């Protein structure tokens, strides 16, 4: 009876050196794939936060565009009732992003610092990641081949009249991600 049990049990051969190397290699590859997945997920979260910042700006601009021409509008630097010398985009942006401003709590997810503006997203300059890009539509004279020009919104630009703004954010590679357009 003892010989029958021994004949039914199969003995597996010992692992060869190449088998052990293959198993080690597969364990290493699994770890690398898991690390890459985690890193990609974290970068995706940063980009989504950056997009949410742009959407918050678009929402605020949309809501404030309705009432900024009324007396007593706050923040006063963005009101259309101020003397023309003080109705500039730079002053409005600073009052909105001030710590006590309506969007002062938003931060650049890539740098962890204060939100920054860029003139344009440039993939050669990775420091622009998470930056906001505000562009204004300027109408051209009637009969022009191009109905409007799109230029960066400068600090000195007058915001006393309504105008069209296109808002974009720069992603991790400082490439453009369009958020939307609004009349402000």
N, C-alpha and C. Protein backbone atom coordinates (compact mmCIF):
# COMPACT_ATOMS: atom_id res chain seq x y z
N UNK A 1 0.81 -1.17 0.00
CA UNK A 1 0.00 0.00 0.00
C UNK A 1 0.87 1.26 0.00
N UNK A 2 1.99 1.16 0.64
CA UNK A 2 2.91 2.29 0.71
C UNK A 2 3.45 2.63 -0.67
N UNK A 3 3.66 1.66 -1.50
CA UNK A 3 4.20 1.91 -2.84
C UNK A 3 3.16 2.54 -3.75
N UNK A 4 1.87 2.26 -3.52
CA UNK A 4 0.82 2.87 -4.34
C UNK A 4 0.72 4.37 -4.06
N UNK A 5 0.84 4.76 -2.80
CA UNK A 5 0.76 6.19 -2.46
C UNK A 5 1.94 6.94 -3.06
N UNK A 6 3.07 6.36 -3.03
CA UNK A 6 4.26 7.01 -3.58
C UNK A 6 4.15 7.15 -5.07
N UNK A 7 3.53 6.18 -5.73
CA UNK A 7 3.42 6.26 -7.18
C UNK A 7 2.37 7.28 -7.62
N UNK A 8 1.36 7.56 -6.78
CA UNK A 8 0.33 8.53 -7.17
C UNK A 8 0.76 9.96 -6.90
N UNK A 9 1.66 10.21 -6.01
CA UNK A 9 2.15 11.56 -5.74
C UNK A 9 3.21 11.92 -6.76
N UNK A 10 3.04 13.10 -7.36
CA UNK A 10 4.03 13.55 -8.33
C UNK A 10 4.98 14.52 -7.65
N UNK A 11 6.20 14.36 -7.92
CA UNK A 11 7.22 15.24 -7.37
C UNK A 11 7.59 16.24 -8.45
N UNK A 12 7.45 17.54 -8.13
CA UNK A 12 7.80 18.56 -9.13
C UNK A 12 9.31 18.80 -9.09
N UNK A 13 9.86 19.04 -10.25
CA UNK A 13 11.30 19.27 -10.28
C UNK A 13 11.62 20.63 -9.66
N UNK A 14 12.81 20.80 -9.14
CA UNK A 14 13.17 22.10 -8.53
C UNK A 14 13.19 23.19 -9.62
N UNK A 15 12.93 24.44 -9.18
CA UNK A 15 12.94 25.57 -10.11
C UNK A 15 14.35 25.80 -10.65
N UNK A 16 14.40 26.02 -11.94
CA UNK A 16 15.69 26.33 -12.55
C UNK A 16 16.01 27.80 -12.30
N UNK A 17 17.23 28.13 -12.52
CA UNK A 17 17.69 29.51 -12.31
C UNK A 17 16.94 30.48 -13.24
N UNK A 18 16.69 30.10 -14.47
CA UNK A 18 15.97 30.97 -15.41
C UNK A 18 14.52 31.16 -14.98
N UNK A 19 13.92 30.12 -14.38
CA UNK A 19 12.55 30.26 -13.88
C UNK A 19 12.50 31.28 -12.74
N UNK A 20 13.47 31.23 -11.84
CA UNK A 20 13.54 32.17 -10.73
C UNK A 20 13.75 33.59 -11.23
N UNK A 21 14.60 33.76 -12.23
CA UNK A 21 14.82 35.09 -12.81
C UNK A 21 13.56 35.62 -13.47
N UNK A 22 12.82 34.76 -14.15
CA UNK A 22 11.57 35.17 -14.80
C UNK A 22 10.55 35.62 -13.75
N UNK A 23 10.40 34.88 -12.68
CA UNK A 23 9.46 35.24 -11.62
C UNK A 23 9.87 36.57 -10.99
N UNK A 24 11.15 36.75 -10.72
CA UNK A 24 11.65 38.01 -10.17
C UNK A 24 11.36 39.17 -11.13
N UNK A 25 11.60 38.95 -12.42
CA UNK A 25 11.35 39.97 -13.44
C UNK A 25 9.87 40.35 -13.47
N UNK A 26 8.98 39.37 -13.40
CA UNK A 26 7.54 39.65 -13.43
C UNK A 26 7.10 40.42 -12.19
N UNK A 27 7.67 40.10 -11.04
CA UNK A 27 7.34 40.84 -9.82
C UNK A 27 7.80 42.30 -9.96
N UNK A 28 9.00 42.50 -10.50
CA UNK A 28 9.51 43.86 -10.71
C UNK A 28 8.62 44.64 -11.69
N UNK A 29 8.21 44.00 -12.77
CA UNK A 29 7.36 44.66 -13.76
C UNK A 29 6.01 45.03 -13.17
N UNK A 30 5.45 44.17 -12.34
CA UNK A 30 4.19 44.47 -11.67
C UNK A 30 4.33 45.70 -10.78
N UNK A 31 5.43 45.80 -10.06
CA UNK A 31 5.68 46.96 -9.21
C UNK A 31 5.84 48.23 -10.04
N UNK A 32 6.55 48.15 -11.16
CA UNK A 32 6.75 49.31 -12.03
C UNK A 32 5.42 49.78 -12.61
N UNK A 33 4.58 48.85 -13.06
CA UNK A 33 3.28 49.21 -13.62
C UNK A 33 2.41 49.86 -12.54
N UNK A 34 2.43 49.32 -11.34
CA UNK A 34 1.64 49.91 -10.25
C UNK A 34 2.13 51.32 -9.92
N UNK A 35 3.44 51.53 -9.90
CA UNK A 35 3.99 52.85 -9.62
C UNK A 35 3.63 53.85 -10.73
N UNK A 36 3.72 53.41 -11.98
CA UNK A 36 3.35 54.29 -13.09
C UNK A 36 1.86 54.63 -13.04
N UNK A 37 1.03 53.68 -12.70
CA UNK A 37 -0.40 53.94 -12.57
C UNK A 37 -0.69 54.94 -11.48
N UNK A 38 -0.02 54.81 -10.35
CA UNK A 38 -0.20 55.75 -9.24
C UNK A 38 0.25 57.15 -9.64
N UNK A 39 1.41 57.26 -10.28
CA UNK A 39 1.93 58.55 -10.70
C UNK A 39 1.00 59.21 -11.72
N UNK A 40 0.52 58.45 -12.67
CA UNK A 40 -0.40 58.98 -13.68
C UNK A 40 -1.70 59.45 -13.04
N UNK A 41 -2.19 58.70 -12.07
CA UNK A 41 -3.40 59.10 -11.35
C UNK A 41 -3.19 60.43 -10.62
N UNK A 42 -2.06 60.56 -9.94
CA UNK A 42 -1.78 61.81 -9.22
C UNK A 42 -1.69 63.00 -10.18
N UNK A 43 -1.02 62.82 -11.32
CA UNK A 43 -0.93 63.90 -12.31
C UNK A 43 -2.31 64.24 -12.87
N UNK A 44 -3.13 63.24 -13.08
CA UNK A 44 -4.50 63.46 -13.56
C UNK A 44 -5.32 64.26 -12.56
N UNK A 45 -5.14 63.98 -11.27
CA UNK A 45 -5.83 64.76 -10.24
C UNK A 45 -5.42 66.22 -10.28
N UNK A 46 -4.12 66.48 -10.49
CA UNK A 46 -3.64 67.86 -10.58
C UNK A 46 -4.26 68.57 -11.78
N UNK A 47 -4.32 67.88 -12.91
CA UNK A 47 -4.90 68.50 -14.10
C UNK A 47 -6.40 68.75 -13.93
N UNK A 48 -7.09 67.83 -13.30
CA UNK A 48 -8.52 68.03 -13.06
C UNK A 48 -8.75 69.20 -12.09
N UNK A 49 -7.91 69.33 -11.08
CA UNK A 49 -8.02 70.46 -10.17
C UNK A 49 -7.79 71.77 -10.92
N UNK A 50 -6.83 71.76 -11.82
CA UNK A 50 -6.56 72.94 -12.63
C UNK A 50 -7.78 73.29 -13.48
N UNK A 51 -8.42 72.30 -14.07
CA UNK A 51 -9.64 72.54 -14.86
C UNK A 51 -10.76 73.07 -13.97
N UNK A 52 -10.89 72.53 -12.77
CA UNK A 52 -11.92 73.00 -11.84
C UNK A 52 -11.68 74.46 -11.47
N UNK A 53 -10.41 74.86 -11.33
CA UNK A 53 -10.11 76.27 -11.08
C UNK A 53 -10.63 77.13 -12.22
N UNK A 54 -10.38 76.70 -13.46
CA UNK A 54 -10.87 77.44 -14.62
C UNK A 54 -12.39 77.50 -14.65
N UNK A 55 -13.04 76.41 -14.30
CA UNK A 55 -14.50 76.39 -14.27
C UNK A 55 -15.04 77.30 -13.18
N UNK A 56 -14.35 77.37 -12.04
CA UNK A 56 -14.78 78.28 -10.97
C UNK A 56 -14.67 79.73 -11.45
N UNK A 57 -13.59 80.04 -12.16
CA UNK A 57 -13.43 81.39 -12.72
C UNK A 57 -14.54 81.68 -13.71
N UNK A 58 -14.83 80.75 -14.59
CA UNK A 58 -15.87 80.96 -15.60
C UNK A 58 -17.22 81.18 -14.94
N UNK A 59 -17.52 80.41 -13.90
CA UNK A 59 -18.78 80.57 -13.18
C UNK A 59 -18.84 81.94 -12.51
N UNK A 60 -17.74 82.34 -11.85
CA UNK A 60 -17.73 83.64 -11.18
C UNK A 60 -17.90 84.78 -12.19
N UNK A 61 -17.18 84.71 -13.30
CA UNK A 61 -17.29 85.75 -14.33
C UNK A 61 -18.71 85.81 -14.88
N UNK A 62 -19.32 84.66 -15.09
CA UNK A 62 -20.68 84.61 -15.62
C UNK A 62 -21.68 85.24 -14.65
N UNK A 63 -21.56 84.90 -13.38
CA UNK A 63 -22.48 85.44 -12.37
C UNK A 63 -22.26 86.92 -12.15
N UNK A 64 -21.02 87.35 -12.12
CA UNK A 64 -20.74 88.76 -11.84
C UNK A 64 -21.01 89.65 -13.04
N UNK A 65 -20.98 89.10 -14.25
CA UNK A 65 -21.24 89.91 -15.44
C UNK A 65 -22.66 90.46 -15.43
N UNK A 66 -23.56 89.77 -14.76
CA UNK A 66 -24.96 90.20 -14.71
C UNK A 66 -25.15 91.45 -13.84
N UNK A 67 -24.34 91.59 -12.81
CA UNK A 67 -24.58 92.67 -11.85
C UNK A 67 -23.45 93.68 -11.71
N UNK A 68 -22.36 93.53 -12.43
CA UNK A 68 -21.23 94.43 -12.20
C UNK A 68 -21.46 95.85 -12.72
N UNK A 69 -22.49 96.06 -13.51
CA UNK A 69 -22.82 97.41 -13.99
C UNK A 69 -23.79 98.13 -13.05
N UNK A 70 -24.15 97.48 -11.95
CA UNK A 70 -25.06 98.09 -10.98
C UNK A 70 -24.27 98.80 -9.89
N UNK A 71 -24.82 99.86 -9.29
CA UNK A 71 -24.13 100.56 -8.20
C UNK A 71 -23.92 99.64 -7.00
N UNK A 72 -22.79 99.83 -6.32
CA UNK A 72 -22.49 99.05 -5.11
C UNK A 72 -21.95 97.66 -5.37
N UNK A 73 -21.56 97.35 -6.58
CA UNK A 73 -21.05 96.02 -6.91
C UNK A 73 -19.72 95.77 -6.20
N UNK A 74 -19.54 94.56 -5.70
CA UNK A 74 -18.30 94.15 -5.05
C UNK A 74 -17.75 92.93 -5.77
N UNK A 75 -16.47 92.82 -5.96
CA UNK A 75 -15.40 93.74 -5.58
C UNK A 75 -15.42 94.99 -6.46
N UNK A 76 -15.19 96.11 -5.82
CA UNK A 76 -15.31 97.41 -6.48
C UNK A 76 -14.34 97.56 -7.65
N UNK A 77 -13.19 96.92 -7.60
CA UNK A 77 -12.21 97.04 -8.69
C UNK A 77 -12.71 96.42 -9.99
N UNK A 78 -13.75 95.59 -9.91
CA UNK A 78 -14.30 94.95 -11.11
C UNK A 78 -15.60 95.60 -11.56
N UNK A 79 -16.07 96.56 -10.79
CA UNK A 79 -17.34 97.21 -11.12
C UNK A 79 -17.17 98.10 -12.34
N UNK A 80 -18.22 98.19 -13.11
CA UNK A 80 -18.18 99.02 -14.32
C UNK A 80 -18.54 100.47 -14.01
N UNK A 81 -18.80 100.82 -12.76
CA UNK A 81 -19.20 102.17 -12.39
C UNK A 81 -18.03 103.03 -11.91
N UNK A 82 -16.84 102.49 -11.86
CA UNK A 82 -15.68 103.23 -11.39
C UNK A 82 -15.21 104.24 -12.44
N UNK A 83 -14.42 105.23 -12.04
CA UNK A 83 -13.82 106.10 -13.05
C UNK A 83 -12.97 105.27 -14.01
N UNK A 84 -12.90 105.64 -15.28
CA UNK A 84 -12.19 104.82 -16.27
C UNK A 84 -10.74 104.51 -15.92
N UNK A 85 -10.06 105.37 -15.20
CA UNK A 85 -8.65 105.14 -14.89
C UNK A 85 -8.46 103.92 -14.00
N UNK A 86 -9.48 103.55 -13.22
CA UNK A 86 -9.32 102.43 -12.30
C UNK A 86 -10.00 101.16 -12.78
N UNK A 87 -10.59 101.18 -13.96
CA UNK A 87 -11.29 100.00 -14.47
C UNK A 87 -10.34 99.16 -15.31
N UNK A 88 -9.35 98.57 -14.70
CA UNK A 88 -8.40 97.75 -15.45
C UNK A 88 -8.49 96.29 -15.01
N UNK A 89 -8.11 95.43 -15.92
CA UNK A 89 -8.14 94.00 -15.65
C UNK A 89 -7.18 93.62 -14.53
N UNK A 90 -6.02 94.25 -14.47
CA UNK A 90 -5.03 93.92 -13.44
C UNK A 90 -5.58 94.14 -12.04
N UNK A 91 -6.22 95.28 -11.82
CA UNK A 91 -6.81 95.57 -10.51
C UNK A 91 -7.94 94.63 -10.17
N UNK A 92 -8.75 94.32 -11.17
CA UNK A 92 -9.87 93.39 -10.96
C UNK A 92 -9.34 92.00 -10.60
N UNK A 93 -8.35 91.51 -11.35
CA UNK A 93 -7.79 90.19 -11.08
C UNK A 93 -7.20 90.12 -9.67
N UNK A 94 -6.47 91.16 -9.28
CA UNK A 94 -5.86 91.17 -7.94
C UNK A 94 -6.91 91.16 -6.84
N UNK A 95 -8.00 91.90 -7.03
CA UNK A 95 -9.04 91.92 -5.99
C UNK A 95 -9.79 90.60 -5.91
N UNK A 96 -9.94 89.92 -7.04
CA UNK A 96 -10.63 88.62 -7.05
C UNK A 96 -9.77 87.55 -6.38
N UNK A 97 -8.46 87.59 -6.63
CA UNK A 97 -7.57 86.54 -6.10
C UNK A 97 -6.94 86.90 -4.76
N UNK A 98 -7.27 88.06 -4.22
CA UNK A 98 -6.76 88.42 -2.89
C UNK A 98 -7.26 87.38 -1.88
N UNK A 99 -6.53 87.18 -0.78
CA UNK A 99 -6.96 86.15 0.18
C UNK A 99 -8.41 86.28 0.64
N UNK A 100 -8.93 87.50 0.73
CA UNK A 100 -10.32 87.69 1.13
C UNK A 100 -11.25 87.87 -0.08
N UNK A 101 -10.72 87.70 -1.28
CA UNK A 101 -11.51 87.84 -2.51
C UNK A 101 -12.36 86.62 -2.79
N UNK A 102 -13.27 86.73 -3.75
CA UNK A 102 -14.17 85.62 -4.05
C UNK A 102 -13.47 84.34 -4.50
N UNK A 103 -12.33 84.45 -5.16
CA UNK A 103 -11.60 83.26 -5.62
C UNK A 103 -10.20 83.18 -4.99
N UNK A 104 -10.04 83.81 -3.86
CA UNK A 104 -8.74 83.85 -3.19
C UNK A 104 -8.29 82.51 -2.64
N UNK A 105 -9.21 81.57 -2.47
CA UNK A 105 -8.84 80.27 -1.91
C UNK A 105 -8.28 79.31 -2.97
N UNK A 106 -8.42 79.66 -4.24
CA UNK A 106 -7.92 78.78 -5.30
C UNK A 106 -6.40 78.86 -5.39
N UNK A 107 -5.77 77.72 -5.55
CA UNK A 107 -4.31 77.68 -5.69
C UNK A 107 -3.93 76.90 -6.94
N UNK A 108 -2.73 77.11 -7.39
CA UNK A 108 -2.20 76.36 -8.53
C UNK A 108 -1.85 74.96 -8.02
N UNK A 109 -2.50 73.91 -8.52
CA UNK A 109 -2.24 72.57 -7.99
C UNK A 109 -0.85 72.05 -8.30
N UNK A 110 -0.20 72.56 -9.33
CA UNK A 110 1.12 72.07 -9.70
C UNK A 110 2.22 72.70 -8.83
N UNK A 111 2.07 73.99 -8.49
CA UNK A 111 3.09 74.65 -7.69
C UNK A 111 2.69 74.76 -6.22
N UNK A 112 1.40 74.67 -5.94
CA UNK A 112 0.92 74.82 -4.58
C UNK A 112 0.81 76.28 -4.16
N UNK A 113 1.22 77.19 -5.02
CA UNK A 113 1.16 78.62 -4.72
C UNK A 113 -0.09 79.27 -5.25
N UNK A 114 -0.04 80.57 -5.25
CA UNK A 114 -1.15 81.39 -5.72
C UNK A 114 -1.39 81.16 -7.22
N UNK A 115 -2.64 81.30 -7.64
CA UNK A 115 -2.95 81.17 -9.07
C UNK A 115 -2.18 82.21 -9.85
N UNK A 116 -1.67 81.79 -10.98
CA UNK A 116 -0.92 82.73 -11.82
C UNK A 116 -1.58 82.81 -13.19
N UNK A 117 -1.34 83.93 -13.85
CA UNK A 117 -1.83 84.13 -15.20
C UNK A 117 -0.69 83.99 -16.16
N UNK A 118 -1.00 83.49 -17.33
CA UNK A 118 -0.01 83.42 -18.39
C UNK A 118 -0.54 84.14 -19.61
N UNK A 119 0.36 84.59 -20.46
CA UNK A 119 -0.05 85.23 -21.70
C UNK A 119 -0.56 84.17 -22.66
N UNK A 120 0.13 83.01 -22.66
CA UNK A 120 -0.30 81.86 -23.46
C UNK A 120 0.36 80.62 -22.88
N UNK A 121 -0.21 79.49 -23.16
CA UNK A 121 0.39 78.22 -22.75
C UNK A 121 1.49 77.89 -23.75
N UNK A 122 2.65 77.54 -23.25
CA UNK A 122 3.80 77.23 -24.10
C UNK A 122 4.45 75.95 -23.58
N UNK A 123 4.43 74.91 -24.40
CA UNK A 123 4.96 73.61 -23.96
C UNK A 123 6.47 73.66 -23.70
N UNK A 124 7.14 74.71 -24.12
CA UNK A 124 8.57 74.86 -23.84
C UNK A 124 8.83 75.38 -22.43
N UNK A 125 7.80 75.96 -21.80
CA UNK A 125 7.94 76.53 -20.46
C UNK A 125 7.02 75.79 -19.50
N UNK A 126 7.55 74.77 -18.85
CA UNK A 126 6.75 73.92 -17.95
C UNK A 126 6.34 74.63 -16.66
N UNK A 127 6.91 75.81 -16.38
CA UNK A 127 6.51 76.54 -15.18
C UNK A 127 5.10 77.12 -15.34
N UNK A 128 4.55 77.08 -16.54
CA UNK A 128 3.20 77.59 -16.78
C UNK A 128 2.12 76.58 -16.41
N UNK A 129 2.48 75.38 -16.02
CA UNK A 129 1.49 74.35 -15.66
C UNK A 129 0.54 74.89 -14.59
N UNK A 130 -0.75 74.78 -14.85
CA UNK A 130 -1.76 75.26 -13.91
C UNK A 130 -2.11 76.72 -14.05
N UNK A 131 -1.46 77.43 -14.95
CA UNK A 131 -1.72 78.86 -15.14
C UNK A 131 -3.04 79.08 -15.87
N UNK A 132 -3.64 80.23 -15.59
CA UNK A 132 -4.85 80.64 -16.29
C UNK A 132 -4.46 81.56 -17.44
N UNK A 133 -5.13 81.43 -18.57
CA UNK A 133 -4.88 82.29 -19.72
C UNK A 133 -6.21 82.95 -20.09
N UNK A 134 -6.25 84.28 -19.97
CA UNK A 134 -7.43 85.06 -20.33
C UNK A 134 -7.15 85.76 -21.65
N UNK A 135 -8.04 85.55 -22.61
CA UNK A 135 -7.89 86.20 -23.91
C UNK A 135 -9.18 86.96 -24.20
N UNK A 136 -9.03 88.12 -24.86
CA UNK A 136 -10.21 88.92 -25.19
C UNK A 136 -10.42 88.94 -26.70
N UNK A 137 -11.68 88.97 -27.06
CA UNK A 137 -12.06 89.11 -28.46
C UNK A 137 -12.19 90.61 -28.74
N UNK A 138 -11.46 91.11 -29.71
CA UNK A 138 -11.55 92.50 -30.12
C UNK A 138 -12.13 92.55 -31.52
N UNK A 139 -13.27 93.25 -31.70
CA UNK A 139 -13.85 93.30 -33.04
C UNK A 139 -12.96 94.10 -34.00
N UNK A 140 -12.91 93.65 -35.23
CA UNK A 140 -12.17 94.37 -36.28
C UNK A 140 -13.15 95.26 -37.04
N UNK A 141 -12.65 96.18 -37.84
CA UNK A 141 -13.56 97.07 -38.59
C UNK A 141 -14.49 96.27 -39.51
N UNK A 142 -15.68 96.80 -39.73
CA UNK A 142 -16.63 96.10 -40.61
C UNK A 142 -16.02 95.85 -41.99
N UNK A 143 -16.28 94.68 -42.52
CA UNK A 143 -15.77 94.31 -43.82
C UNK A 143 -14.42 93.60 -43.78
N UNK A 144 -13.83 93.47 -42.60
CA UNK A 144 -12.55 92.77 -42.47
C UNK A 144 -12.75 91.28 -42.71
N UNK A 145 -11.71 90.64 -43.21
CA UNK A 145 -11.77 89.20 -43.45
C UNK A 145 -11.91 88.42 -42.15
N UNK A 146 -11.33 88.94 -41.11
CA UNK A 146 -11.39 88.30 -39.79
C UNK A 146 -12.30 89.16 -38.90
N UNK A 147 -13.40 88.61 -38.39
CA UNK A 147 -14.35 89.44 -37.63
C UNK A 147 -13.82 89.92 -36.27
N UNK A 148 -12.98 89.11 -35.61
CA UNK A 148 -12.43 89.49 -34.31
C UNK A 148 -10.98 89.04 -34.20
N UNK A 149 -10.26 89.75 -33.35
CA UNK A 149 -8.88 89.36 -33.02
C UNK A 149 -8.90 88.80 -31.61
N UNK A 150 -8.10 87.79 -31.37
CA UNK A 150 -7.99 87.19 -30.05
C UNK A 150 -6.62 87.52 -29.50
N UNK A 151 -6.58 88.30 -28.41
CA UNK A 151 -5.31 88.71 -27.81
C UNK A 151 -5.36 88.46 -26.31
N UNK A 152 -4.19 88.39 -25.70
CA UNK A 152 -4.11 88.19 -24.25
C UNK A 152 -4.70 89.41 -23.54
N UNK A 153 -5.42 89.16 -22.47
CA UNK A 153 -6.00 90.21 -21.67
C UNK A 153 -4.90 90.78 -20.78
N UNK A 154 -4.51 92.02 -21.02
CA UNK A 154 -3.41 92.66 -20.30
C UNK A 154 -3.91 93.35 -19.03
N UNK A 155 -3.01 93.56 -18.09
CA UNK A 155 -3.35 94.24 -16.85
C UNK A 155 -3.94 95.62 -17.10
N UNK A 156 -3.47 96.31 -18.12
CA UNK A 156 -3.91 97.68 -18.39
C UNK A 156 -5.18 97.76 -19.23
N UNK A 157 -5.74 96.62 -19.65
CA UNK A 157 -6.95 96.64 -20.48
C UNK A 157 -8.15 97.16 -19.69
N UNK A 158 -8.92 98.01 -20.33
CA UNK A 158 -10.12 98.61 -19.75
C UNK A 158 -11.22 97.55 -19.66
N UNK A 159 -11.87 97.47 -18.50
CA UNK A 159 -12.97 96.51 -18.33
C UNK A 159 -14.29 97.23 -18.07
N UNK A 160 -14.35 98.51 -18.41
CA UNK A 160 -15.57 99.29 -18.18
C UNK A 160 -16.73 98.88 -19.06
N UNK A 161 -16.45 98.41 -20.25
CA UNK A 161 -17.50 97.97 -21.18
C UNK A 161 -17.52 96.44 -21.22
N UNK A 162 -18.63 95.90 -21.69
CA UNK A 162 -18.71 94.45 -21.85
C UNK A 162 -17.79 94.00 -22.97
N UNK A 163 -17.18 92.86 -22.78
CA UNK A 163 -16.32 92.27 -23.80
C UNK A 163 -16.30 90.76 -23.62
N UNK A 164 -15.90 90.07 -24.66
CA UNK A 164 -15.88 88.61 -24.67
C UNK A 164 -14.52 88.11 -24.18
N UNK A 165 -14.53 87.16 -23.24
CA UNK A 165 -13.30 86.57 -22.69
C UNK A 165 -13.30 85.08 -23.01
N UNK A 166 -12.15 84.58 -23.45
CA UNK A 166 -11.95 83.13 -23.58
C UNK A 166 -10.97 82.73 -22.49
N UNK A 167 -11.35 81.72 -21.72
CA UNK A 167 -10.52 81.26 -20.60
C UNK A 167 -9.97 79.88 -20.90
N UNK A 168 -8.67 79.72 -20.68
CA UNK A 168 -8.00 78.43 -20.86
C UNK A 168 -7.09 78.21 -19.65
N UNK A 169 -6.70 76.97 -19.43
CA UNK A 169 -5.69 76.64 -18.42
C UNK A 169 -4.58 75.86 -19.11
N UNK A 170 -3.42 75.89 -18.50
CA UNK A 170 -2.28 75.14 -19.02
C UNK A 170 -2.19 73.82 -18.24
N UNK A 171 -2.08 72.73 -18.96
CA UNK A 171 -1.98 71.43 -18.30
C UNK A 171 -0.54 71.14 -17.86
N UNK A 172 -0.28 69.93 -17.45
CA UNK A 172 1.05 69.54 -16.93
C UNK A 172 2.18 69.86 -17.91
N UNK A 173 1.93 69.63 -19.18
CA UNK A 173 2.93 69.90 -20.22
C UNK A 173 2.85 71.32 -20.75
N UNK A 174 2.10 72.19 -20.09
CA UNK A 174 1.88 73.58 -20.48
C UNK A 174 1.20 73.67 -21.85
N UNK A 175 0.34 72.70 -22.14
CA UNK A 175 -0.49 72.73 -23.35
C UNK A 175 -1.84 73.33 -22.99
N UNK A 176 -2.53 73.88 -23.98
CA UNK A 176 -3.79 74.58 -23.76
C UNK A 176 -4.94 73.61 -23.51
N UNK A 177 -5.73 73.91 -22.48
CA UNK A 177 -6.99 73.22 -22.22
C UNK A 177 -8.05 74.31 -22.19
N UNK A 178 -8.92 74.37 -23.18
CA UNK A 178 -9.96 75.39 -23.27
C UNK A 178 -11.04 75.11 -22.23
N UNK A 179 -11.40 76.14 -21.48
CA UNK A 179 -12.45 76.01 -20.48
C UNK A 179 -13.77 76.56 -21.02
N UNK A 180 -13.73 77.74 -21.62
CA UNK A 180 -14.97 78.30 -22.17
C UNK A 180 -14.82 79.78 -22.50
N UNK A 181 -15.92 80.35 -22.97
CA UNK A 181 -15.98 81.78 -23.30
C UNK A 181 -17.16 82.39 -22.60
N UNK A 182 -17.01 83.65 -22.22
CA UNK A 182 -18.06 84.35 -21.49
C UNK A 182 -18.00 85.84 -21.81
N UNK A 183 -19.15 86.49 -21.77
CA UNK A 183 -19.17 87.94 -21.91
C UNK A 183 -19.09 88.53 -20.52
N UNK A 184 -18.13 89.41 -20.31
CA UNK A 184 -17.92 90.01 -18.98
C UNK A 184 -18.10 91.50 -19.08
